[in-house]
């Protein structure tokens, strides 16, 4: 891959006597911020035996983040090249796009995982068949991503907002299917809802990426794209951890009181899916706010 990149990508290097600036202090502070933020979520199980003291690491994360921001600003004021140029967040299109993608990825991977746990643990479906329930999502999202990529420059942010609305209905539909369909029909009904969700999801990711980076200067494109990817990874870990904590907390709470395995697991599934609904709701709020901001500014760009 590296050889192909060196061969295919254009040479944009320019002669410069400026020394490479790696900002090692910024790297360490940023790493500590992310580590302290992620640690409590990664080791949360939803068990009553969970040690609550780990949540104090979130306070440490806020402290490290504050020191990181202070350092980066001072570093830039000295004419150095900071690890993260905060000026890119002054662009509302970028800022809102990153928030949307972070919230979206906090929801959707958790939705997949919760569905798999319910189908296997609650309905006793074999792993291979539980996985096949999501095939329609993958196929439909691949198709709609191509459609969204062609329409985004003409329709702009409304395309993403409608995609998020479709995902909200998908999450609600999956919960209704789990609660009210006969167990033998549940996988088939979930698979059908997943096809609709896949089409909606494809209208979110690719178009949102285009809109997020549309106003970013070319020289800042690499950093801006990396920050967006980081938000997605953090969102995935945090959203999945919260959803699983709610899922297993319900299992632990009802295990002795509920005899029916299906009832136990669809209660747990509904509890975990609250996380999915909340994060998709946040993504929708940011999307609508971005639309309102563009309308107020009279922006003619998507």
C-alpha atoms as a PDB file:
ATOM      1  CA  UNK A   1       0.000   0.000   0.000  1.00  0.00           C
ATOM      2  CA  UNK A   2       2.837   2.371   0.831  1.00  0.00           C
ATOM      3  CA  UNK A   3       4.461   1.631  -2.526  1.00  0.00           C
ATOM      4  CA  UNK A   4       1.171   2.295  -4.359  1.00  0.00           C
ATOM      5  CA  UNK A   5       0.670   5.540  -2.439  1.00  0.00           C
ATOM      6  CA  UNK A   6       4.162   6.740  -3.334  1.00  0.00           C
ATOM      7  CA  UNK A   7       3.481   5.912  -6.969  1.00  0.00           C
ATOM      8  CA  UNK A   8      -0.092   7.190  -7.345  1.00  0.00           C
ATOM      9  CA  UNK A   9      -0.374  10.199  -5.035  1.00  0.00           C
ATOM     10  CA  UNK A  10       0.813  13.543  -6.450  1.00  0.00           C
ATOM     11  CA  UNK A  11       4.007  15.086  -5.139  1.00  0.00           C
ATOM     12  CA  UNK A  12       3.031  18.186  -3.132  1.00  0.00           C
ATOM     13  CA  UNK A  13       6.346  18.716  -1.414  1.00  0.00           C
ATOM     14  CA  UNK A  14       7.819  22.190  -1.503  1.00  0.00           C
ATOM     15  CA  UNK A  15      11.318  23.239  -0.615  1.00  0.00           C
ATOM     16  CA  UNK A  16      11.378  24.610   2.903  1.00  0.00           C
ATOM     17  CA  UNK A  17      14.068  25.257   5.463  1.00  0.00           C
ATOM     18  CA  UNK A  18      11.573  24.960   8.296  1.00  0.00           C
ATOM     19  CA  UNK A  19      12.490  22.250  10.783  1.00  0.00           C
ATOM     20  CA  UNK A  20      10.043  19.428  11.353  1.00  0.00           C
ATOM     21  CA  UNK A  21       8.030  20.228  14.484  1.00  0.00           C
ATOM     22  CA  UNK A  22       6.630  17.219  16.325  1.00  0.00           C
ATOM     23  CA  UNK A  23       5.314  18.916  19.517  1.00  0.00           C
ATOM     24  CA  UNK A  24       6.256  16.035  21.866  1.00  0.00           C
ATOM     25  CA  UNK A  25       4.746  17.707  24.959  1.00  0.00           C
ATOM     26  CA  UNK A  26       1.460  18.160  23.113  1.00  0.00           C
ATOM     27  CA  UNK A  27       1.510  14.496  22.062  1.00  0.00           C
ATOM     28  CA  UNK A  28       2.000  13.332  25.673  1.00  0.00           C
ATOM     29  CA  UNK A  29      -0.700  15.637  27.061  1.00  0.00           C
ATOM     30  CA  UNK A  30      -3.134  14.582  24.360  1.00  0.00           C
ATOM     31  CA  UNK A  31      -2.407  10.890  24.976  1.00  0.00           C
ATOM     32  CA  UNK A  32      -3.027  11.335  28.719  1.00  0.00           C
ATOM     33  CA  UNK A  33      -6.295  13.146  28.005  1.00  0.00           C
ATOM     34  CA  UNK A  34      -7.602  10.356  25.770  1.00  0.00           C
ATOM     35  CA  UNK A  35      -6.361   7.589  28.090  1.00  0.00           C
ATOM     36  CA  UNK A  36      -8.043   9.119  31.151  1.00  0.00           C
ATOM     37  CA  UNK A  37     -11.234   9.689  29.157  1.00  0.00           C
ATOM     38  CA  UNK A  38     -11.450   6.170  27.728  1.00  0.00           C
ATOM     39  CA  UNK A  39     -10.322   4.094  30.709  1.00  0.00           C
ATOM     40  CA  UNK A  40     -13.564   4.217  32.783  1.00  0.00           C
ATOM     41  CA  UNK A  41     -15.720   3.371  29.776  1.00  0.00           C
ATOM     42  CA  UNK A  42     -13.532   0.538  28.525  1.00  0.00           C
ATOM     43  CA  UNK A  43     -13.644  -1.275  31.894  1.00  0.00           C
ATOM     44  CA  UNK A  44     -17.331  -0.783  32.660  1.00  0.00           C
ATOM     45  CA  UNK A  45     -19.330  -4.020  32.738  1.00  0.00           C
ATOM     46  CA  UNK A  46     -22.660  -3.001  34.285  1.00  0.00           C
ATOM     47  CA  UNK A  47     -22.034  -5.422  37.149  1.00  0.00           C
ATOM     48  CA  UNK A  48     -22.935  -4.354  40.719  1.00  0.00           C
ATOM     49  CA  UNK A  49     -19.309  -5.151  41.577  1.00  0.00           C
ATOM     50  CA  UNK A  50     -17.942  -2.408  39.316  1.00  0.00           C
ATOM     51  CA  UNK A  51     -15.530  -0.112  41.135  1.00  0.00           C
ATOM     52  CA  UNK A  52     -16.975   3.430  40.905  1.00  0.00           C
ATOM     53  CA  UNK A  53     -13.613   5.037  41.706  1.00  0.00           C
ATOM     54  CA  UNK A  54     -12.522   4.698  38.080  1.00  0.00           C
ATOM     55  CA  UNK A  55     -14.931   7.506  37.130  1.00  0.00           C
ATOM     56  CA  UNK A  56     -12.627   9.987  38.872  1.00  0.00           C
ATOM     57  CA  UNK A  57     -10.387   9.552  35.850  1.00  0.00           C
ATOM     58  CA  UNK A  58     -12.878  11.705  33.928  1.00  0.00           C
ATOM     59  CA  UNK A  59     -11.881  14.601  36.174  1.00  0.00           C
ATOM     60  CA  UNK A  60      -8.244  13.889  35.346  1.00  0.00           C
ATOM     61  CA  UNK A  61      -9.183  13.873  31.669  1.00  0.00           C
ATOM     62  CA  UNK A  62     -10.694  17.357  31.963  1.00  0.00           C
ATOM     63  CA  UNK A  63      -7.552  18.608  33.730  1.00  0.00           C
ATOM     64  CA  UNK A  64      -5.249  17.112  31.090  1.00  0.00           C
ATOM     65  CA  UNK A  65      -7.451  18.582  28.346  1.00  0.00           C
ATOM     66  CA  UNK A  66      -7.240  22.052  29.892  1.00  0.00           C
ATOM     67  CA  UNK A  67      -3.452  21.820  30.159  1.00  0.00           C
ATOM     68  CA  UNK A  68      -3.289  20.532  26.579  1.00  0.00           C
ATOM     69  CA  UNK A  69      -5.307  23.484  25.235  1.00  0.00           C
ATOM     70  CA  UNK A  70      -3.157  25.934  27.221  1.00  0.00           C
ATOM     71  CA  UNK A  71       0.049  24.358  25.947  1.00  0.00           C
ATOM     72  CA  UNK A  72      -1.082  24.249  22.325  1.00  0.00           C
ATOM     73  CA  UNK A  73      -2.080  27.921  22.325  1.00  0.00           C
ATOM     74  CA  UNK A  74       1.216  28.995  23.858  1.00  0.00           C
ATOM     75  CA  UNK A  75       3.092  26.726  21.455  1.00  0.00           C
ATOM     76  CA  UNK A  76       1.375  28.322  18.472  1.00  0.00           C
ATOM     77  CA  UNK A  77       2.000  31.842  19.830  1.00  0.00           C
ATOM     78  CA  UNK A  78       5.743  31.101  19.785  1.00  0.00           C
ATOM     79  CA  UNK A  79       5.538  30.441  16.054  1.00  0.00           C
ATOM     80  CA  UNK A  80       5.738  26.679  16.400  1.00  0.00           C
ATOM     81  CA  UNK A  81       3.471  24.121  14.717  1.00  0.00           C
ATOM     82  CA  UNK A  82       0.996  22.729  17.324  1.00  0.00           C
ATOM     83  CA  UNK A  83      -0.290  19.186  17.299  1.00  0.00           C
ATOM     84  CA  UNK A  84      -3.859  20.468  16.915  1.00  0.00           C
ATOM     85  CA  UNK A  85      -4.599  23.848  15.273  1.00  0.00           C
ATOM     86  CA  UNK A  86      -7.712  24.985  17.157  1.00  0.00           C
ATOM     87  CA  UNK A  87      -8.479  27.502  14.446  1.00  0.00           C
ATOM     88  CA  UNK A  88     -10.185  24.745  12.442  1.00  0.00           C
ATOM     89  CA  UNK A  89     -12.919  24.557  15.090  1.00  0.00           C
ATOM     90  CA  UNK A  90     -13.875  28.169  14.344  1.00  0.00           C
ATOM     91  CA  UNK A  91     -15.450  26.841  11.137  1.00  0.00           C
ATOM     92  CA  UNK A  92     -19.024  25.890  12.012  1.00  0.00           C
ATOM     93  CA  UNK A  93     -19.265  23.428   9.121  1.00  0.00           C
ATOM     94  CA  UNK A  94     -16.283  21.505  10.471  1.00  0.00           C
ATOM     95  CA  UNK A  95     -17.227  21.788  14.133  1.00  0.00           C
ATOM     96  CA  UNK A  96     -20.794  20.635  13.555  1.00  0.00           C
ATOM     97  CA  UNK A  97     -19.715  17.879  11.189  1.00  0.00           C
ATOM     98  CA  UNK A  98     -17.328  16.420  13.779  1.00  0.00           C
ATOM     99  CA  UNK A  99     -20.025  16.565  16.454  1.00  0.00           C
ATOM    100  CA  UNK A 100     -22.495  14.797  14.157  1.00  0.00           C
ATOM    101  CA  UNK A 101     -20.062  12.026  13.248  1.00  0.00           C
ATOM    102  CA  UNK A 102     -18.999  11.551  16.888  1.00  0.00           C
ATOM    103  CA  UNK A 103     -22.613  11.270  18.074  1.00  0.00           C
ATOM    104  CA  UNK A 104     -23.529   9.014  15.144  1.00  0.00           C
ATOM    105  CA  UNK A 105     -20.673   6.622  15.826  1.00  0.00           C
ATOM    106  CA  UNK A 106     -21.579   6.636  19.516  1.00  0.00           C
ATOM    107  CA  UNK A 107     -24.931   5.168  18.498  1.00  0.00           C
ATOM    108  CA  UNK A 108     -24.651   2.874  15.488  1.00  0.00           C
ATOM    109  CA  UNK A 109     -21.901   0.391  16.527  1.00  0.00           C
ATOM    110  CA  UNK A 110     -23.711  -0.003  19.862  1.00  0.00           C
ATOM    111  CA  UNK A 111     -26.930  -0.704  17.936  1.00  0.00           C
ATOM    112  CA  UNK A 112     -25.244  -3.559  16.056  1.00  0.00           C
ATOM    113  CA  UNK A 113     -23.684  -5.048  19.187  1.00  0.00           C
ATOM    114  CA  UNK A 114     -26.896  -4.902  21.222  1.00  0.00           C
ATOM    115  CA  UNK A 115     -28.819  -6.559  18.414  1.00  0.00           C
ATOM    116  CA  UNK A 116     -26.295  -9.391  18.231  1.00  0.00           C
ATOM    117  CA  UNK A 117     -26.405  -9.925  22.003  1.00  0.00           C
ATOM    118  CA  UNK A 118     -30.192 -10.041  21.968  1.00  0.00           C
ATOM    119  CA  UNK A 119     -30.408 -12.421  19.033  1.00  0.00           C
ATOM    120  CA  UNK A 120     -27.813 -14.816  20.462  1.00  0.00           C
ATOM    121  CA  UNK A 121     -28.491 -14.572  24.179  1.00  0.00           C
ATOM    122  CA  UNK A 122     -32.225 -13.991  24.133  1.00  0.00           C
ATOM    123  CA  UNK A 123     -33.378 -15.939  21.087  1.00  0.00           C
ATOM    124  CA  UNK A 124     -30.569 -18.513  20.976  1.00  0.00           C
ATOM    125  CA  UNK A 125     -29.653 -17.691  17.375  1.00  0.00           C
ATOM    126  CA  UNK A 126     -26.350 -19.080  16.115  1.00  0.00           C
ATOM    127  CA  UNK A 127     -23.639 -16.397  15.730  1.00  0.00           C
ATOM    128  CA  UNK A 128     -23.451 -16.794  11.959  1.00  0.00           C
ATOM    129  CA  UNK A 129     -27.196 -16.212  11.584  1.00  0.00           C
ATOM    130  CA  UNK A 130     -27.188 -13.306  14.046  1.00  0.00           C
ATOM    131  CA  UNK A 131     -24.498 -11.710  11.923  1.00  0.00           C
ATOM    132  CA  UNK A 132     -26.482 -12.246   8.740  1.00  0.00           C
ATOM    133  CA  UNK A 133     -29.278 -10.017  10.110  1.00  0.00           C
ATOM    134  CA  UNK A 134     -27.060  -6.972   9.457  1.00  0.00           C
ATOM    135  CA  UNK A 135     -26.092  -7.875   5.879  1.00  0.00           C
ATOM    136  CA  UNK A 136     -28.934  -5.789   4.477  1.00  0.00           C
ATOM    137  CA  UNK A 137     -27.640  -2.754   6.350  1.00  0.00           C
ATOM    138  CA  UNK A 138     -24.193  -3.132   4.780  1.00  0.00           C
ATOM    139  CA  UNK A 139     -25.526  -3.568   1.245  1.00  0.00           C
ATOM    140  CA  UNK A 140     -28.070  -0.743   1.473  1.00  0.00           C
ATOM    141  CA  UNK A 141     -25.569   1.676   3.038  1.00  0.00           C
ATOM    142  CA  UNK A 142     -23.006   0.974   0.307  1.00  0.00           C
ATOM    143  CA  UNK A 143     -25.617   1.848  -2.306  1.00  0.00           C
ATOM    144  CA  UNK A 144     -26.970   4.938  -0.549  1.00  0.00           C
ATOM    145  CA  UNK A 145     -23.444   6.206   0.182  1.00  0.00           C
ATOM    146  CA  UNK A 146     -22.884   6.374  -3.568  1.00  0.00           C
ATOM    147  CA  UNK A 147     -26.215   8.152  -4.010  1.00  0.00           C
ATOM    148  CA  UNK A 148     -25.464  10.537  -1.142  1.00  0.00           C
ATOM    149  CA  UNK A 149     -22.016  11.312  -2.502  1.00  0.00           C
ATOM    150  CA  UNK A 150     -23.581  12.404  -5.782  1.00  0.00           C
ATOM    151  CA  UNK A 151     -26.332  14.488  -4.153  1.00  0.00           C
ATOM    152  CA  UNK A 152     -24.482  16.169  -1.297  1.00  0.00           C
ATOM    153  CA  UNK A 153     -23.088  19.092  -3.315  1.00  0.00           C
ATOM    154  CA  UNK A 154     -26.620  19.915  -4.459  1.00  0.00           C
ATOM    155  CA  UNK A 155     -28.692  19.158  -1.351  1.00  0.00           C
ATOM    156  CA  UNK A 156     -26.128  19.790   1.386  1.00  0.00           C
ATOM    157  CA  UNK A 157     -26.839  19.366   5.097  1.00  0.00           C
ATOM    158  CA  UNK A 158     -30.575  18.490   4.718  1.00  0.00           C
ATOM    159  CA  UNK A 159     -29.473  15.205   3.149  1.00  0.00           C
ATOM    160  CA  UNK A 160     -27.550  14.310   6.307  1.00  0.00           C
ATOM    161  CA  UNK A 161     -30.393  15.415   8.573  1.00  0.00           C
ATOM    162  CA  UNK A 162     -32.900  13.215   6.743  1.00  0.00           C
ATOM    163  CA  UNK A 163     -30.454  10.322   6.997  1.00  0.00           C
ATOM    164  CA  UNK A 164     -30.240  10.793  10.779  1.00  0.00           C
ATOM    165  CA  UNK A 165     -34.047  10.933  10.989  1.00  0.00           C
ATOM    166  CA  UNK A 166     -34.129   7.605   9.160  1.00  0.00           C
ATOM    167  CA  UNK A 167     -31.690   6.146  11.674  1.00  0.00           C
ATOM    168  CA  UNK A 168     -33.829   7.362  14.587  1.00  0.00           C
ATOM    169  CA  UNK A 169     -36.820   5.528  13.112  1.00  0.00           C
ATOM    170  CA  UNK A 170     -34.604   2.479  12.535  1.00  0.00           C
ATOM    171  CA  UNK A 171     -33.553   2.354  16.192  1.00  0.00           C
ATOM    172  CA  UNK A 172     -37.160   2.707  17.313  1.00  0.00           C
ATOM    173  CA  UNK A 173     -38.288   0.074  14.827  1.00  0.00           C
ATOM    174  CA  UNK A 174     -35.712  -2.418  16.073  1.00  0.00           C
ATOM    175  CA  UNK A 175     -36.895  -2.010  19.661  1.00  0.00           C
ATOM    176  CA  UNK A 176     -40.543  -2.427  18.647  1.00  0.00           C
ATOM    177  CA  UNK A 177     -39.661  -5.553  16.664  1.00  0.00           C
ATOM    178  CA  UNK A 178     -37.799  -7.037  19.636  1.00  0.00           C
ATOM    179  CA  UNK A 179     -40.665  -6.316  22.020  1.00  0.00           C
ATOM    180  CA  UNK A 180     -43.704  -7.218  19.944  1.00  0.00           C
ATOM    181  CA  UNK A 181     -42.856  -9.832  17.306  1.00  0.00           C
ATOM    182  CA  UNK A 182     -42.878 -13.579  17.842  1.00  0.00           C
ATOM    183  CA  UNK A 183     -39.330 -14.877  18.512  1.00  0.00           C
ATOM    184  CA  UNK A 184     -39.292 -16.994  15.349  1.00  0.00           C
ATOM    185  CA  UNK A 185     -40.043 -13.913  13.240  1.00  0.00           C
ATOM    186  CA  UNK A 186     -37.870 -11.405  15.096  1.00  0.00           C
ATOM    187  CA  UNK A 187     -34.613 -11.992  13.127  1.00  0.00           C
ATOM    188  CA  UNK A 188     -36.450 -11.597   9.816  1.00  0.00           C
ATOM    189  CA  UNK A 189     -38.211  -8.425  10.942  1.00  0.00           C
ATOM    190  CA  UNK A 190     -34.956  -6.983  12.301  1.00  0.00           C
ATOM    191  CA  UNK A 191     -33.240  -7.753   9.010  1.00  0.00           C
ATOM    192  CA  UNK A 192     -35.953  -5.837   7.139  1.00  0.00           C
ATOM    193  CA  UNK A 193     -35.609  -2.818   9.451  1.00  0.00           C
ATOM    194  CA  UNK A 194     -31.836  -2.978   9.012  1.00  0.00           C
ATOM    195  CA  UNK A 195     -32.203  -2.550   5.250  1.00  0.00           C
ATOM    196  CA  UNK A 196     -34.076   0.709   5.828  1.00  0.00           C
ATOM    197  CA  UNK A 197     -31.450   1.755   8.372  1.00  0.00           C
ATOM    198  CA  UNK A 198     -28.643   0.972   5.958  1.00  0.00           C
ATOM    199  CA  UNK A 199     -30.127   3.248   3.319  1.00  0.00           C
ATOM    200  CA  UNK A 200     -30.513   6.033   5.896  1.00  0.00           C
ATOM    201  CA  UNK A 201     -27.023   5.501   7.321  1.00  0.00           C
ATOM    202  CA  UNK A 202     -25.410   5.783   3.909  1.00  0.00           C
ATOM    203  CA  UNK A 203     -26.880   9.267   3.599  1.00  0.00           C
ATOM    204  CA  UNK A 204     -25.120  10.299   6.800  1.00  0.00           C
ATOM    205  CA  UNK A 205     -21.493   9.168   6.776  1.00  0.00           C
ATOM    206  CA  UNK A 206     -20.226   9.975   3.288  1.00  0.00           C
ATOM    207  CA  UNK A 207     -22.134  13.265   2.780  1.00  0.00           C
ATOM    208  CA  UNK A 208     -21.272  14.436   6.293  1.00  0.00           C
ATOM    209  CA  UNK A 209     -17.583  13.813   5.637  1.00  0.00           C
ATOM    210  CA  UNK A 210     -17.780  15.937   2.506  1.00  0.00           C
ATOM    211  CA  UNK A 211     -19.544  18.793   4.298  1.00  0.00           C
ATOM    212  CA  UNK A 212     -17.242  18.597   7.311  1.00  0.00           C
ATOM    213  CA  UNK A 213     -14.065  19.118   5.284  1.00  0.00           C
ATOM    214  CA  UNK A 214     -15.518  21.432   2.626  1.00  0.00           C
ATOM    215  CA  UNK A 215     -14.213  24.666   4.178  1.00  0.00           C
ATOM    216  CA  UNK A 216     -10.962  23.315   5.611  1.00  0.00           C
ATOM    217  CA  UNK A 217      -7.795  24.719   3.990  1.00  0.00           C
ATOM    218  CA  UNK A 218      -5.838  22.095   2.078  1.00  0.00           C
ATOM    219  CA  UNK A 219      -2.791  22.438   4.330  1.00  0.00           C
ATOM    220  CA  UNK A 220      -4.941  21.568   7.377  1.00  0.00           C
ATOM    221  CA  UNK A 221      -6.830  18.729   5.686  1.00  0.00           C
ATOM    222  CA  UNK A 222      -4.746  15.927   7.194  1.00  0.00           C
ATOM    223  CA  UNK A 223      -5.089  17.155  10.772  1.00  0.00           C
ATOM    224  CA  UNK A 224      -8.786  17.972  10.322  1.00  0.00           C
ATOM    225  CA  UNK A 225      -9.517  14.513   8.936  1.00  0.00           C
ATOM    226  CA  UNK A 226      -7.555  12.860  11.750  1.00  0.00           C
ATOM    227  CA  UNK A 227      -9.456  14.760  14.432  1.00  0.00           C
ATOM    228  CA  UNK A 228     -12.727  13.707  12.832  1.00  0.00           C
ATOM    229  CA  UNK A 229     -11.613  10.060  12.831  1.00  0.00           C
ATOM    230  CA  UNK A 230     -10.547  10.380  16.464  1.00  0.00           C
ATOM    231  CA  UNK A 231     -14.017  11.639  17.358  1.00  0.00           C
ATOM    232  CA  UNK A 232     -15.531   8.602  15.662  1.00  0.00           C
ATOM    233  CA  UNK A 233     -13.279   6.185  17.562  1.00  0.00           C
ATOM    234  CA  UNK A 234     -13.967   7.872  20.904  1.00  0.00           C
ATOM    235  CA  UNK A 235     -17.672   7.940  20.164  1.00  0.00           C
ATOM    236  CA  UNK A 236     -17.678   4.236  19.296  1.00  0.00           C
ATOM    237  CA  UNK A 237     -15.917   3.260  22.521  1.00  0.00           C
ATOM    238  CA  UNK A 238     -17.969   5.515  24.792  1.00  0.00           C
ATOM    239  CA  UNK A 239     -21.347   4.740  23.211  1.00  0.00           C
ATOM    240  CA  UNK A 240     -20.721   0.998  23.178  1.00  0.00           C
ATOM    241  CA  UNK A 241     -19.549   1.030  26.800  1.00  0.00           C
ATOM    242  CA  UNK A 242     -22.623   2.939  28.016  1.00  0.00           C
ATOM    243  CA  UNK A 243     -25.018   0.768  26.010  1.00  0.00           C
ATOM    244  CA  UNK A 244     -23.442  -2.454  27.279  1.00  0.00           C
ATOM    245  CA  UNK A 245     -23.440  -1.166  30.853  1.00  0.00           C
ATOM    246  CA  UNK A 246     -27.190  -0.511  30.627  1.00  0.00           C
ATOM    247  CA  UNK A 247     -27.761  -3.870  28.933  1.00  0.00           C
ATOM    248  CA  UNK A 248     -25.909  -5.932  31.517  1.00  0.00           C
ATOM    249  CA  UNK A 249     -27.153  -3.852  34.451  1.00  0.00           C
ATOM    250  CA  UNK A 250     -30.678  -4.842  33.388  1.00  0.00           C
ATOM    251  CA  UNK A 251     -29.625  -8.493  33.094  1.00  0.00           C
ATOM    252  CA  UNK A 252     -28.099  -8.446  36.591  1.00  0.00           C
ATOM    253  CA  UNK A 253     -31.131  -6.645  38.031  1.00  0.00           C
ATOM    254  CA  UNK A 254     -33.808  -8.895  36.530  1.00  0.00           C
ATOM    255  CA  UNK A 255     -32.009 -12.220  36.391  1.00  0.00           C
ATOM    256  CA  UNK A 256     -33.569 -13.557  39.591  1.00  0.00           C
ATOM    257  CA  UNK A 257     -36.978 -11.954  39.103  1.00  0.00           C
ATOM    258  CA  UNK A 258     -37.699 -12.847  35.457  1.00  0.00           C
ATOM    259  CA  UNK A 259     -37.950 -16.497  34.457  1.00  0.00           C
ATOM    260  CA  UNK A 260     -38.484 -16.007  30.724  1.00  0.00           C
ATOM    261  CA  UNK A 261     -35.092 -15.631  28.987  1.00  0.00           C
ATOM    262  CA  UNK A 262     -36.641 -13.816  26.038  1.00  0.00           C
ATOM    263  CA  UNK A 263     -38.345 -11.255  28.287  1.00  0.00           C
ATOM    264  CA  UNK A 264     -35.135 -10.754  30.261  1.00  0.00           C
ATOM    265  CA  UNK A 265     -33.082 -10.087  27.156  1.00  0.00           C
ATOM    266  CA  UNK A 266     -35.563  -7.861  25.366  1.00  0.00           C
ATOM    267  CA  UNK A 267     -35.791  -5.728  28.525  1.00  0.00           C
ATOM    268  CA  UNK A 268     -32.004  -5.508  28.512  1.00  0.00           C
ATOM    269  CA  UNK A 269     -32.014  -4.749  24.790  1.00  0.00           C
ATOM    270  CA  UNK A 270     -34.543  -1.938  25.215  1.00  0.00           C
ATOM    271  CA  UNK A 271     -32.452  -0.460  28.059  1.00  0.00           C
ATOM    272  CA  UNK A 272     -29.266  -0.497  26.010  1.00  0.00           C
ATOM    273  CA  UNK A 273     -31.006   1.007  23.001  1.00  0.00           C
ATOM    274  CA  UNK A 274     -31.777   4.106  25.072  1.00  0.00           C
ATOM    275  CA  UNK A 275     -28.129   5.013  24.516  1.00  0.00           C
ATOM    276  CA  UNK A 276     -28.552   4.643  20.762  1.00  0.00           C
ATOM    277  CA  UNK A 277     -31.625   6.873  20.772  1.00  0.00           C
ATOM    278  CA  UNK A 278     -29.963   9.560  22.883  1.00  0.00           C
ATOM    279  CA  UNK A 279     -26.858   9.808  20.705  1.00  0.00           C
ATOM    280  CA  UNK A 280     -28.851   9.783  17.474  1.00  0.00           C
ATOM    281  CA  UNK A 281     -31.006  12.524  18.990  1.00  0.00           C
ATOM    282  CA  UNK A 282     -27.876  14.569  19.733  1.00  0.00           C
ATOM    283  CA  UNK A 283     -26.685  14.101  16.148  1.00  0.00           C
ATOM    284  CA  UNK A 284     -30.091  15.269  14.901  1.00  0.00           C
ATOM    285  CA  UNK A 285     -30.044  18.345  17.151  1.00  0.00           C
ATOM    286  CA  UNK A 286     -26.590  19.353  15.874  1.00  0.00           C
ATOM    287  CA  UNK A 287     -27.682  18.773  12.270  1.00  0.00           C
ATOM    288  CA  UNK A 288     -30.783  20.957  12.682  1.00  0.00           C
ATOM    289  CA  UNK A 289     -28.713  23.604  14.477  1.00  0.00           C
ATOM    290  CA  UNK A 290     -26.264  23.608  11.571  1.00  0.00           C
ATOM    291  CA  UNK A 291     -29.135  24.083   9.138  1.00  0.00           C
ATOM    292  CA  UNK A 292     -30.460  26.982  11.205  1.00  0.00           C
ATOM    293  CA  UNK A 293     -27.012  28.569  11.353  1.00  0.00           C
ATOM    294  CA  UNK A 294     -26.606  28.353   7.598  1.00  0.00           C
ATOM    295  CA  UNK A 295     -30.048  29.905   7.101  1.00  0.00           C
ATOM    296  CA  UNK A 296     -29.206  32.817   9.430  1.00  0.00           C
ATOM    297  CA  UNK A 297     -25.890  33.478   7.706  1.00  0.00           C
ATOM    298  CA  UNK A 298     -27.487  33.240   4.269  1.00  0.00           C
ATOM    299  CA  UNK A 299     -24.918  30.656   3.237  1.00  0.00           C
ATOM    300  CA  UNK A 300     -25.283  29.620  -0.383  1.00  0.00           C
ATOM    301  CA  UNK A 301     -22.994  26.627  -0.048  1.00  0.00           C
ATOM    302  CA  UNK A 302     -24.270  23.172   0.937  1.00  0.00           C
END
